[in-house]
C-alpha atoms as a PDB file:
ATOM      1  CA  MET A   1       0.000   0.000   0.000  1.00  0.00           C
ATOM      2  CA  ASP A   2       1.251   3.470  -0.917  1.00  0.00           C
ATOM      3  CA  LEU A   3       1.896   5.141   2.437  1.00  0.00           C
ATOM      4  CA  ALA A   4       2.008   8.567   0.797  1.00  0.00           C
ATOM      5  CA  ALA A   5      -1.593   8.011  -0.279  1.00  0.00           C
ATOM      6  CA  VAL A   6      -2.492   6.835   3.221  1.00  0.00           C
ATOM      7  CA  ARG A   7      -0.891   9.955   4.718  1.00  0.00           C
ATOM      8  CA  THR A   8      -2.849  12.086   2.247  1.00  0.00           C
ATOM      9  CA  PHE A   9      -6.082  10.328   3.221  1.00  0.00           C
ATOM     10  CA  VAL A  10      -5.457  11.081   6.918  1.00  0.00           C
ATOM     11  CA  ALA A  11      -4.642  14.724   6.120  1.00  0.00           C
ATOM     12  CA  VAL A  12      -7.913  15.153   4.178  1.00  0.00           C
ATOM     13  CA  ALA A  13      -9.856  13.406   6.944  1.00  0.00           C
ATOM     14  CA  ASP A  14      -8.336  15.711   9.566  1.00  0.00           C
ATOM     15  CA  THR A  15      -8.747  18.967   7.630  1.00  0.00           C
ATOM     16  CA  GLY A  16     -11.968  18.153   5.765  1.00  0.00           C
ATOM     17  CA  GLN A  17     -10.590  19.966   2.693  1.00  0.00           C
ATOM     18  CA  PHE A  18      -8.537  18.757  -0.266  1.00  0.00           C
ATOM     19  CA  LEU A  19      -6.998  22.209  -0.647  1.00  0.00           C
ATOM     20  CA  GLN A  20      -6.031  22.508   2.993  1.00  0.00           C
ATOM     21  CA  ALA A  21      -4.575  18.995   3.003  1.00  0.00           C
ATOM     22  CA  ALA A  22      -2.517  19.909  -0.070  1.00  0.00           C
ATOM     23  CA  ALA A  23      -1.108  22.945   1.733  1.00  0.00           C
ATOM     24  CA  GLU A  24      -0.269  20.824   4.798  1.00  0.00           C
ATOM     25  CA  LEU A  25       1.527  18.232   2.676  1.00  0.00           C
ATOM     26  CA  SER A  26       3.212  20.820   0.407  1.00  0.00           C
ATOM     27  CA  VAL A  27       1.735  19.300  -2.755  1.00  0.00           C
ATOM     28  CA  THR A  28      -0.839  20.441  -5.278  1.00  0.00           C
ATOM     29  CA  GLN A  29      -4.583  19.877  -4.873  1.00  0.00           C
ATOM     30  CA  GLN A  30      -4.453  17.810  -8.059  1.00  0.00           C
ATOM     31  CA  ALA A  31      -1.835  15.525  -6.455  1.00  0.00           C
ATOM     32  CA  VAL A  32      -4.095  15.064  -3.414  1.00  0.00           C
ATOM     33  CA  SER A  33      -7.027  14.137  -5.645  1.00  0.00           C
ATOM     34  CA  LYS A  34      -4.928  11.620  -7.616  1.00  0.00           C
ATOM     35  CA  ARG A  35      -3.638   9.960  -4.445  1.00  0.00           C
ATOM     36  CA  ILE A  36      -7.100   9.615  -2.936  1.00  0.00           C
ATOM     37  CA  ALA A  37      -8.488   8.247  -6.218  1.00  0.00           C
ATOM     38  CA  ALA A  38      -5.677   5.685  -6.435  1.00  0.00           C
ATOM     39  CA  LEU A  39      -6.255   4.609  -2.836  1.00  0.00           C
ATOM     40  CA  GLU A  40     -10.001   4.240  -3.438  1.00  0.00           C
ATOM     41  CA  ARG A  41      -9.315   2.093  -6.515  1.00  0.00           C
ATOM     42  CA  GLU A  42      -6.949  -0.115  -4.511  1.00  0.00           C
ATOM     43  CA  LEU A  43      -9.453  -0.563  -1.688  1.00  0.00           C
ATOM     44  CA  GLY A  44     -12.474  -0.832  -3.965  1.00  0.00           C
ATOM     45  CA  VAL A  45     -14.539   1.642  -1.926  1.00  0.00           C
ATOM     46  CA  ARG A  46     -15.235   5.365  -1.757  1.00  0.00           C
ATOM     47  CA  LEU A  47     -13.509   7.024   1.192  1.00  0.00           C
ATOM     48  CA  PHE A  48     -14.942  10.540   0.872  1.00  0.00           C
ATOM     49  CA  ALA A  49     -18.194  12.105  -0.193  1.00  0.00           C
ATOM     50  CA  ARG A  50     -17.435  15.390  -1.947  1.00  0.00           C
ATOM     51  CA  THR A  51     -19.744  18.247  -0.904  1.00  0.00           C
ATOM     52  CA  HIS A  52     -19.763  22.005  -1.443  1.00  0.00           C
ATOM     53  CA  ARG A  53     -18.334  22.312   2.081  1.00  0.00           C
ATOM     54  CA  GLY A  54     -15.420  19.959   1.451  1.00  0.00           C
ATOM     55  CA  ALA A  55     -14.804  16.234   1.894  1.00  0.00           C
ATOM     56  CA  ARG A  56     -16.799  14.116   4.330  1.00  0.00           C
ATOM     57  CA  LEU A  57     -15.780  10.582   5.313  1.00  0.00           C
ATOM     58  CA  THR A  58     -18.033   7.804   4.081  1.00  0.00           C
ATOM     59  CA  LEU A  59     -18.800   4.848   6.339  1.00  0.00           C
ATOM     60  CA  ASP A  60     -15.931   2.973   4.668  1.00  0.00           C
ATOM     61  CA  GLY A  61     -13.679   5.985   5.186  1.00  0.00           C
ATOM     62  CA  GLN A  62     -14.585   6.077   8.874  1.00  0.00           C
ATOM     63  CA  ALA A  63     -13.818   2.352   9.172  1.00  0.00           C
ATOM     64  CA  PHE A  64     -10.463   2.772   7.414  1.00  0.00           C
ATOM     65  CA  LEU A  65      -9.279   5.868   9.322  1.00  0.00           C
ATOM     66  CA  PRO A  66      -8.014   4.218  12.558  1.00  0.00           C
ATOM     67  CA  HIS A  67      -6.167   1.590  10.530  1.00  0.00           C
ATOM     68  CA  ALA A  68      -4.633   4.303   8.333  1.00  0.00           C
ATOM     69  CA  ARG A  69      -3.354   6.074  11.446  1.00  0.00           C
ATOM     70  CA  GLY A  70      -1.948   2.753  12.662  1.00  0.00           C
ATOM     71  CA  LEU A  71      -0.096   2.269   9.373  1.00  0.00           C
ATOM     72  CA  LEU A  72       1.531   5.693   9.680  1.00  0.00           C
ATOM     73  CA  GLU A  73       2.481   5.049  13.311  1.00  0.00           C
ATOM     74  CA  ALA A  74       4.025   1.715  12.304  1.00  0.00           C
ATOM     75  CA  GLN A  75       6.015   3.503   9.604  1.00  0.00           C
ATOM     76  CA  GLU A  76       7.361   5.967  12.177  1.00  0.00           C
ATOM     77  CA  ARG A  77       8.369   3.143  14.504  1.00  0.00           C
ATOM     78  CA  ALA A  78      10.056   1.279  11.657  1.00  0.00           C
ATOM     79  CA  VAL A  79      12.083   4.338  10.656  1.00  0.00           C
ATOM     80  CA  ALA A  80      12.985   5.096  14.274  1.00  0.00           C
ATOM     81  CA  SER A  81      14.237   1.540  14.784  1.00  0.00           C
ATOM     82  CA  VAL A  82      17.085   2.085  12.312  1.00  0.00           C
ATOM     83  CA  ARG A  83      17.615   5.816  12.618  1.00  0.00           C
ATOM     84  CA  PRO A  84      21.204   6.461  13.784  1.00  0.00           C
ATOM     85  CA  GLY A  85      21.255   6.785  17.537  1.00  0.00           C
ATOM     86  CA  ARG A  86      17.810   5.235  18.018  1.00  0.00           C
ATOM     87  CA  ARG A  87      18.645   1.540  17.686  1.00  0.00           C
ATOM     88  CA  ALA A  88      21.035  -0.480  19.834  1.00  0.00           C
ATOM     89  CA  LEU A  89      24.721  -0.522  18.924  1.00  0.00           C
ATOM     90  CA  ARG A  90      25.405  -4.133  17.892  1.00  0.00           C
ATOM     91  CA  VAL A  91      28.883  -5.394  18.786  1.00  0.00           C
ATOM     92  CA  ASP A  92      30.474  -8.835  18.426  1.00  0.00           C
ATOM     93  CA  VAL A  93      32.835 -10.219  21.080  1.00  0.00           C
ATOM     94  CA  VAL A  94      34.749 -13.487  21.097  1.00  0.00           C
ATOM     95  CA  GLY A  95      33.190 -14.636  24.395  1.00  0.00           C
ATOM     96  CA  ARG A  96      31.053 -13.214  27.171  1.00  0.00           C
ATOM     97  CA  GLN A  97      33.550 -14.131  29.912  1.00  0.00           C
ATOM     98  CA  LEU A  98      36.564 -12.716  28.099  1.00  0.00           C
ATOM     99  CA  ALA A  99      38.236  -9.316  27.998  1.00  0.00           C
ATOM    100  CA  PRO A 100      36.260  -7.815  25.065  1.00  0.00           C
ATOM    101  CA  ALA A 101      32.996  -8.313  26.947  1.00  0.00           C
ATOM    102  CA  GLY A 102      34.614  -6.614  29.935  1.00  0.00           C
ATOM    103  CA  LEU A 103      35.592  -3.650  27.776  1.00  0.00           C
ATOM    104  CA  LEU A 104      31.990  -3.362  26.603  1.00  0.00           C
ATOM    105  CA  ARG A 105      30.713  -3.544  30.192  1.00  0.00           C
ATOM    106  CA  GLU A 106      33.018  -0.658  31.113  1.00  0.00           C
ATOM    107  CA  PHE A 107      31.706   1.317  28.144  1.00  0.00           C
ATOM    108  CA  HIS A 108      28.132   0.643  29.268  1.00  0.00           C
ATOM    109  CA  HIS A 109      28.935   1.896  32.768  1.00  0.00           C
ATOM    110  CA  ALA A 110      30.479   5.046  31.281  1.00  0.00           C
ATOM    111  CA  GLN A 111      27.575   5.550  28.843  1.00  0.00           C
ATOM    112  CA  PRO A 112      24.512   3.975  30.533  1.00  0.00           C
ATOM    113  CA  GLY A 113      22.116   5.712  28.133  1.00  0.00           C
ATOM    114  CA  ILE A 114      23.477   3.815  25.111  1.00  0.00           C
ATOM    115  CA  GLU A 115      21.718   0.538  24.387  1.00  0.00           C
ATOM    116  CA  LEU A 116      24.044  -2.322  23.457  1.00  0.00           C
ATOM    117  CA  ASP A 117      23.302  -5.588  21.681  1.00  0.00           C
ATOM    118  CA  ILE A 118      26.190  -8.013  22.322  1.00  0.00           C
ATOM    119  CA  VAL A 119      26.613 -11.017  20.011  1.00  0.00           C
ATOM    120  CA  THR A 120      29.237 -13.761  19.699  1.00  0.00           C
ATOM    121  CA  LEU A 121      30.058 -14.891  16.171  1.00  0.00           C
ATOM    122  CA  ALA A 122      32.112 -17.933  15.194  1.00  0.00           C
ATOM    123  CA  ASP A 123      35.438 -16.243  14.448  1.00  0.00           C
ATOM    124  CA  ALA A 124      37.135 -13.133  13.090  1.00  0.00           C
ATOM    125  CA  ARG A 125      36.275 -14.056   9.495  1.00  0.00           C
ATOM    126  CA  ALA A 126      32.566 -14.145  10.343  1.00  0.00           C
ATOM    127  CA  ALA A 127      32.879 -10.907  12.329  1.00  0.00           C
ATOM    128  CA  VAL A 128      34.568  -9.081   9.442  1.00  0.00           C
ATOM    129  CA  ALA A 129      31.883 -10.296   7.015  1.00  0.00           C
ATOM    130  CA  ALA A 130      29.129  -9.142   9.386  1.00  0.00           C
ATOM    131  CA  VAL A 131      30.738  -5.717   9.830  1.00  0.00           C
ATOM    132  CA  GLN A 132      31.098  -5.364   6.070  1.00  0.00           C
ATOM    133  CA  ALA A 133      27.483  -6.458   5.476  1.00  0.00           C
ATOM    134  CA  GLY A 134      26.188  -4.076   8.149  1.00  0.00           C
ATOM    135  CA  THR A 135      24.540  -6.776  10.267  1.00  0.00           C
ATOM    136  CA  ILE A 136      26.723  -5.659  13.193  1.00  0.00           C
ATOM    137  CA  ASP A 137      28.231  -2.240  13.896  1.00  0.00           C
ATOM    138  CA  ALA A 138      31.553  -3.349  15.324  1.00  0.00           C
ATOM    139  CA  ALA A 139      33.564  -6.288  16.632  1.00  0.00           C
ATOM    140  CA  VAL A 140      36.394  -6.695  19.115  1.00  0.00           C
ATOM    141  CA  ARG A 141      38.694  -9.335  17.630  1.00  0.00           C
ATOM    142  CA  ALA A 142      42.323 -10.138  16.904  1.00  0.00           C
ATOM    143  CA  VAL A 143      43.265  -9.259  13.323  1.00  0.00           C
ATOM    144  CA  THR A 144      44.762  -9.972  10.944  1.00  0.00           C
ATOM    145  CA  ALA A 145      45.406 -13.651  11.452  1.00  0.00           C
ATOM    146  CA  PRO A 146      46.397 -15.613   8.344  1.00  0.00           C
ATOM    147  CA  GLY A 147      43.408 -15.677   6.018  1.00  0.00           C
ATOM    148  CA  HIS A 148      41.592 -12.908   7.915  1.00  0.00           C
ATOM    149  CA  GLU A 149      42.874  -9.932   5.909  1.00  0.00           C
ATOM    150  CA  LEU A 150      40.512  -6.970   6.023  1.00  0.00           C
ATOM    151  CA  PRO A 151      38.502  -5.669   3.035  1.00  0.00           C
ATOM    152  CA  GLY A 152      39.036  -2.044   2.124  1.00  0.00           C
ATOM    153  CA  ASP A 153      35.835  -0.705   3.731  1.00  0.00           C
ATOM    154  CA  VAL A 154      36.506  -2.285   7.148  1.00  0.00           C
ATOM    155  CA  GLU A 155      38.849  -0.487   9.520  1.00  0.00           C
ATOM    156  CA  ALA A 156      40.647  -1.828  12.582  1.00  0.00           C
ATOM    157  CA  VAL A 157      42.662  -0.391  15.435  1.00  0.00           C
ATOM    158  CA  ARG A 158      44.393  -2.123  18.342  1.00  0.00           C
ATOM    159  CA  VAL A 159      42.573  -1.137  21.510  1.00  0.00           C
ATOM    160  CA  PHE A 160      43.811  -3.508  24.208  1.00  0.00           C
ATOM    161  CA  ASP A 161      46.770  -5.842  24.692  1.00  0.00           C
ATOM    162  CA  GLU A 162      45.784  -8.476  27.238  1.00  0.00           C
ATOM    163  CA  PRO A 163      48.510 -10.422  29.052  1.00  0.00           C
ATOM    164  CA  ILE A 164      48.193 -14.208  28.951  1.00  0.00           C
ATOM    165  CA  GLU A 165      48.557 -16.047  32.255  1.00  0.00           C
ATOM    166  CA  LEU A 166      49.155 -19.641  33.283  1.00  0.00           C
ATOM    167  CA  LEU A 167      46.342 -21.167  35.341  1.00  0.00           C
ATOM    168  CA  THR A 168      47.078 -24.155  37.595  1.00  0.00           C
ATOM    169  CA  GLY A 169      45.673 -26.025  40.551  1.00  0.00           C
ATOM    170  CA  PRO A 170      47.284 -25.772  44.015  1.00  0.00           C
ATOM    171  CA  GLY A 171      49.198 -29.055  43.584  1.00  0.00           C
ATOM    172  CA  HIS A 172      50.930 -28.106  40.328  1.00  0.00           C
ATOM    173  CA  ALA A 173      54.728 -27.863  40.363  1.00  0.00           C
ATOM    174  CA  LEU A 174      54.543 -24.187  39.346  1.00  0.00           C
ATOM    175  CA  ALA A 175      51.765 -23.237  41.779  1.00  0.00           C
ATOM    176  CA  PRO A 176      54.164 -21.678  44.358  1.00  0.00           C
ATOM    177  CA  VAL A 177      55.751 -19.220  41.892  1.00  0.00           C
ATOM    178  CA  ALA A 178      54.401 -15.770  41.064  1.00  0.00           C
ATOM    179  CA  GLU A 179      55.766 -15.619  37.523  1.00  0.00           C
ATOM    180  CA  VAL A 180      57.469 -17.800  34.955  1.00  0.00           C
ATOM    181  CA  ARG A 181      59.141 -17.363  31.578  1.00  0.00           C
ATOM    182  CA  PRO A 182      57.164 -18.785  28.621  1.00  0.00           C
ATOM    183  CA  ALA A 183      60.198 -20.779  27.500  1.00  0.00           C
ATOM    184  CA  ALA A 184      60.329 -22.441  30.941  1.00  0.00           C
ATOM    185  CA  LEU A 185      56.973 -24.107  30.202  1.00  0.00           C
ATOM    186  CA  THR A 186      58.579 -26.514  27.725  1.00  0.00           C
ATOM    187  CA  GLY A 187      57.666 -30.037  28.788  1.00  0.00           C
ATOM    188  CA  HIS A 188      54.660 -28.985  30.861  1.00  0.00           C
ATOM    189  CA  ARG A 189      51.214 -30.099  29.721  1.00  0.00           C
ATOM    190  CA  ILE A 190      49.171 -27.082  28.630  1.00  0.00           C
ATOM    191  CA  TRP A 191      45.629 -28.384  28.133  1.00  0.00           C
ATOM    192  CA  MET A 192      43.246 -26.273  26.072  1.00  0.00           C
ATOM    193  CA  PRO A 193      40.354 -28.452  24.883  1.00  0.00           C
ATOM    194  CA  GLY A 194      38.012 -26.856  22.396  1.00  0.00           C
ATOM    195  CA  ILE A 195      40.526 -24.942  20.288  1.00  0.00           C
ATOM    196  CA  VAL A 196      38.783 -24.444  16.941  1.00  0.00           C
ATOM    197  CA  ALA A 197      41.061 -24.679  13.905  1.00  0.00           C
ATOM    198  CA  GLY A 198      40.925 -21.633  11.653  1.00  0.00           C
ATOM    199  CA  THR A 199      39.972 -19.147  14.367  1.00  0.00           C
ATOM    200  CA  GLU A 200      42.144 -16.168  15.206  1.00  0.00           C
ATOM    201  CA  TRP A 201      42.665 -17.378  18.763  1.00  0.00           C
ATOM    202  CA  ALA A 202      43.773 -20.818  17.530  1.00  0.00           C
ATOM    203  CA  ALA A 203      46.307 -19.034  15.309  1.00  0.00           C
ATOM    204  CA  PHE A 204      47.514 -16.999  18.311  1.00  0.00           C
ATOM    205  CA  TYR A 205      48.149 -20.047  20.504  1.00  0.00           C
ATOM    206  CA  ALA A 206      49.685 -22.010  17.617  1.00  0.00           C
ATOM    207  CA  GLU A 207      52.291 -19.302  17.088  1.00  0.00           C
ATOM    208  CA  LEU A 208      52.847 -18.929  20.842  1.00  0.00           C
ATOM    209  CA  ALA A 209      53.583 -22.654  21.049  1.00  0.00           C
ATOM    210  CA  THR A 210      55.908 -22.567  18.031  1.00  0.00           C
ATOM    211  CA  VAL A 211      57.921 -19.549  19.165  1.00  0.00           C
ATOM    212  CA  PHE A 212      58.486 -20.764  22.726  1.00  0.00           C
ATOM    213  CA  GLY A 213      58.678 -24.508  22.073  1.00  0.00           C
ATOM    214  CA  LEU A 214      55.510 -25.378  23.945  1.00  0.00           C
ATOM    215  CA  SER A 215      53.117 -28.278  23.512  1.00  0.00           C
ATOM    216  CA  ILE A 216      49.465 -27.232  23.704  1.00  0.00           C
ATOM    217  CA  ASP A 217      47.183 -30.226  24.089  1.00  0.00           C
ATOM    218  CA  ALA A 218      43.719 -29.754  22.578  1.00  0.00           C
ATOM    219  CA  VAL A 219      42.754 -33.431  22.858  1.00  0.00           C
ATOM    220  CA  GLY A 220      39.438 -34.307  24.466  1.00  0.00           C
ATOM    221  CA  PRO A 221      35.866 -33.043  24.244  1.00  0.00           C
ATOM    222  CA  ASN A 222      35.185 -29.460  25.220  1.00  0.00           C
ATOM    223  CA  PHE A 223      32.620 -29.591  28.020  1.00  0.00           C
ATOM    224  CA  GLY A 224      33.118 -25.913  28.901  1.00  0.00           C
ATOM    225  CA  ILE A 225      35.098 -23.988  31.467  1.00  0.00           C
ATOM    226  CA  GLU A 226      33.762 -25.751  34.606  1.00  0.00           C
ATOM    227  CA  PRO A 227      35.074 -29.276  33.758  1.00  0.00           C
ATOM    228  CA  LEU A 228      38.408 -27.719  32.772  1.00  0.00           C
ATOM    229  CA  LEU A 229      38.651 -26.013  36.171  1.00  0.00           C
ATOM    230  CA  ASP A 230      37.729 -29.311  37.834  1.00  0.00           C
ATOM    231  CA  ALA A 231      40.641 -30.996  36.064  1.00  0.00           C
ATOM    232  CA  LEU A 232      43.091 -28.238  36.993  1.00  0.00           C
ATOM    233  CA  ALA A 233      42.068 -28.233  40.656  1.00  0.00           C
ATOM    234  CA  ASP A 234      42.819 -31.944  41.056  1.00  0.00           C
ATOM    235  CA  SER A 235      45.922 -32.252  38.873  1.00  0.00           C
ATOM    236  CA  PRO A 236      49.612 -31.821  39.783  1.00  0.00           C
ATOM    237  CA  ALA A 237      50.602 -31.677  36.109  1.00  0.00           C
ATOM    238  CA  VAL A 238      47.877 -30.007  34.016  1.00  0.00           C
ATOM    239  CA  ALA A 239      47.819 -26.236  33.372  1.00  0.00           C
ATOM    240  CA  THR A 240      46.092 -23.971  30.872  1.00  0.00           C
ATOM    241  CA  PHE A 241      46.366 -20.456  29.470  1.00  0.00           C
ATOM    242  CA  VAL A 242      43.833 -17.729  30.238  1.00  0.00           C
ATOM    243  CA  GLY A 243      43.658 -14.024  29.558  1.00  0.00           C
ATOM    244  CA  GLU A 244      44.378 -11.737  32.485  1.00  0.00           C
ATOM    245  CA  ARG A 245      40.822 -10.405  32.333  1.00  0.00           C
ATOM    246  CA  THR A 246      39.038 -13.723  31.768  1.00  0.00           C
ATOM    247  CA  ARG A 247      36.277 -14.063  34.360  1.00  0.00           C
ATOM    248  CA  LEU A 248      36.497 -17.384  36.196  1.00  0.00           C
ATOM    249  CA  LEU A 249      33.746 -18.495  38.559  1.00  0.00           C
ATOM    250  CA  ALA A 250      35.572 -21.365  40.220  1.00  0.00           C
ATOM    251  CA  PRO A 251      34.512 -22.656  43.639  1.00  0.00           C
ATOM    252  CA  ALA A 252      36.633 -21.168  46.439  1.00  0.00           C
ATOM    253  CA  GLY A 253      37.903 -24.588  47.495  1.00  0.00           C
ATOM    254  CA  TYR A 254      39.674 -25.046  44.177  1.00  0.00           C
ATOM    255  CA  ASP A 255      42.393 -22.519  45.136  1.00  0.00           C
ATOM    256  CA  LEU A 256      43.422 -22.062  41.493  1.00  0.00           C
ATOM    257  CA  ARG A 257      46.600 -20.064  40.851  1.00  0.00           C
ATOM    258  CA  ARG A 258      47.124 -17.408  38.201  1.00  0.00           C
ATOM    259  CA  ILE A 259      50.818 -17.213  37.327  1.00  0.00           C
ATOM    260  CA  SER A 260      52.143 -14.255  35.350  1.00  0.00           C
ATOM    261  CA  LEU A 261      54.246 -14.866  32.249  1.00  0.00           C
ATOM    262  CA  ARG A 262      57.324 -12.655  31.975  1.00  0.00           C
ATOM    263  CA  ASP A 263      60.332 -12.085  29.733  1.00  0.00           C
ATOM    264  CA  PRO A 264      58.489 -11.642  27.490  1.00  0.00           C
ATOM    265  CA  VAL A 265      54.836 -11.067  28.402  1.00  0.00           C
ATOM    266  CA  PRO A 266      52.641 -12.749  25.751  1.00  0.00           C
ATOM    267  CA  VAL A 267      49.743 -10.401  25.029  1.00  0.00           C
ATOM    268  CA  TYR A 268      46.585 -11.052  23.049  1.00  0.00           C
ATOM    269  CA  PRO A 269      45.951  -8.181  20.585  1.00  0.00           C
ATOM    270  CA  HIS A 270      42.305  -7.104  20.824  1.00  0.00           C
ATOM    271  CA  CYS A 271      41.245  -4.813  17.959  1.00  0.00           C
ATOM    272  CA  LEU A 272      38.097  -2.829  17.281  1.00  0.00           C
ATOM    273  CA  LEU A 273      36.673  -3.391  13.782  1.00  0.00           C
ATOM    274  CA  TRP A 274      34.054  -1.197  12.150  1.00  0.00           C
ATOM    275  CA  ARG A 275      32.857  -0.187   8.703  1.00  0.00           C
ATOM    276  CA  ALA A 276      34.221   3.188   7.645  1.00  0.00           C
ATOM    277  CA  ASP A 277      30.840   4.586   6.555  1.00  0.00           C
ATOM    278  CA  ASN A 278      28.904   3.476   9.668  1.00  0.00           C
ATOM    279  CA  ALA A 279      27.190   6.630  10.987  1.00  0.00           C
ATOM    280  CA  HIS A 280      25.831   5.289  14.278  1.00  0.00           C
ATOM    281  CA  PRO A 281      26.726   8.040  16.799  1.00  0.00           C
ATOM    282  CA  ALA A 282      27.359   5.529  19.588  1.00  0.00           C
ATOM    283  CA  LEU A 283      30.107   3.944  17.475  1.00  0.00           C
ATOM    284  CA  ALA A 284      32.144   7.142  17.681  1.00  0.00           C
ATOM    285  CA  LEU A 285      31.702   7.144  21.471  1.00  0.00           C
ATOM    286  CA  LEU A 286      32.803   3.509  21.668  1.00  0.00           C
ATOM    287  CA  ARG A 287      35.897   4.242  19.612  1.00  0.00           C
ATOM    288  CA  GLU A 288      36.734   7.198  21.840  1.00  0.00           C
ATOM    289  CA  HIS A 289      36.214   5.109  24.975  1.00  0.00           C
ATOM    290  CA  LEU A 290      38.387   2.234  23.775  1.00  0.00           C
ATOM    291  CA  ALA A 291      41.104   4.634  22.656  1.00  0.00           C
ATOM    292  CA  GLY A 292      41.692   5.214  26.361  1.00  0.00           C
ATOM    293  CA  ALA A 293      42.255   1.522  27.109  1.00  0.00           C
ATOM    294  CA  ARG A 294      45.936   1.308  27.963  1.00  0.00           C
ATOM    295  CA  PRO A 295      48.007  -1.579  26.594  1.00  0.00           C
ATOM    296  CA  ALA A 296      48.823  -3.816  29.547  1.00  0.00           C
ATOM    297  CA  GLY A 297      52.284  -4.957  30.549  1.00  0.00           C
ATOM    298  CA  GLY A 298      53.829  -1.641  31.598  1.00  0.00           C
ATOM    299  CA  GLY A 299      57.452  -1.401  30.548  1.00  0.00           C
ATOM    300  CA  ALA A 300      57.957  -5.168  30.346  1.00  0.00           C
ATOM    301  CA  ARG A 301      59.034  -6.726  27.071  1.00  0.00           C
ATOM    302  CA  ARG A 302      55.972  -8.073  25.292  1.00  0.00           C
ATOM    303  CA  TRP A 303      55.291 -10.649  22.595  1.00  0.00           C
ATOM    304  CA  THR A 304      52.424 -10.869  20.147  1.00  0.00           C
ATOM    305  CA  PRO A 305      52.189 -12.725  16.807  1.00  0.00           C
ATOM    306  CA  GLY A 306      53.831 -11.144  13.822  1.00  0.00           C
ATOM    307  CA  TRP A 307      50.505 -11.139  11.946  1.00  0.00           C
ATOM    308  CA  ALA A 308      48.709  -9.034  14.566  1.00  0.00           C
ATOM    309  CA  ALA A 309      47.385  -5.677  13.359  1.00  0.00           C
ATOM    310  CA  PRO A 310      49.563  -2.752  14.574  1.00  0.00           C
END
């Protein structure tokens, strides 16, 4: 249905005059007449009775009027839902317990009036495609891993370097130490079930293992974080890697130990991705907020994969 004709019908119904409706809509009286005639043909009824005093609604016109107003209200809601600044800012993160989600929570606390829609896509390749297609506004991912090169209309900037830590149970041989060199982990079992081949984070840990001579064991089904923590708590030999800002909800009795990695500090390179022509005003605020996120590690020597975006 032609909503311009519906709007014209409502204007004539409200003013009672074709001429006055034309003035209100900034069109000619002839245009008003043509729109009403076309709408009447489409509906198969007469909407107005023309009199010397103007236009009077017929019974069919009276029946149609509330529905016509509803159509125009629905149009306004539809437009408002995608008008920049009126819809939620949609952002992809790699996981809801990981650092990117924490960065978004901090942004929400700083800008509580901005509505956020947080999603988790499969990997950086899917996130880049969604940013390019406009189905999401931004993503916080590591780029560019091999095969994840960015198209020309997608931009990226490093916003946060997150140190990687070793996580062990209380009986592990390294549990008493506060920090350890990555190269000193050679020969230790680093268990990370659920690593998905082809993802940017799989590429990160593959290069970490190659550079420092580590063996990362991904064997076994991935039942989630809780069974992994169970295994760590009871094992004198199994450890895993976690980001410094990964949220762990382990029972207090587990007494898990976070051990810092030093000389160098491996850091995971979180980047903000967005489409260059995205006009959502909250995106600019998010970029400004994340620009203030300081790279972690202080003055310590750091390591990140050679493919990571600068």
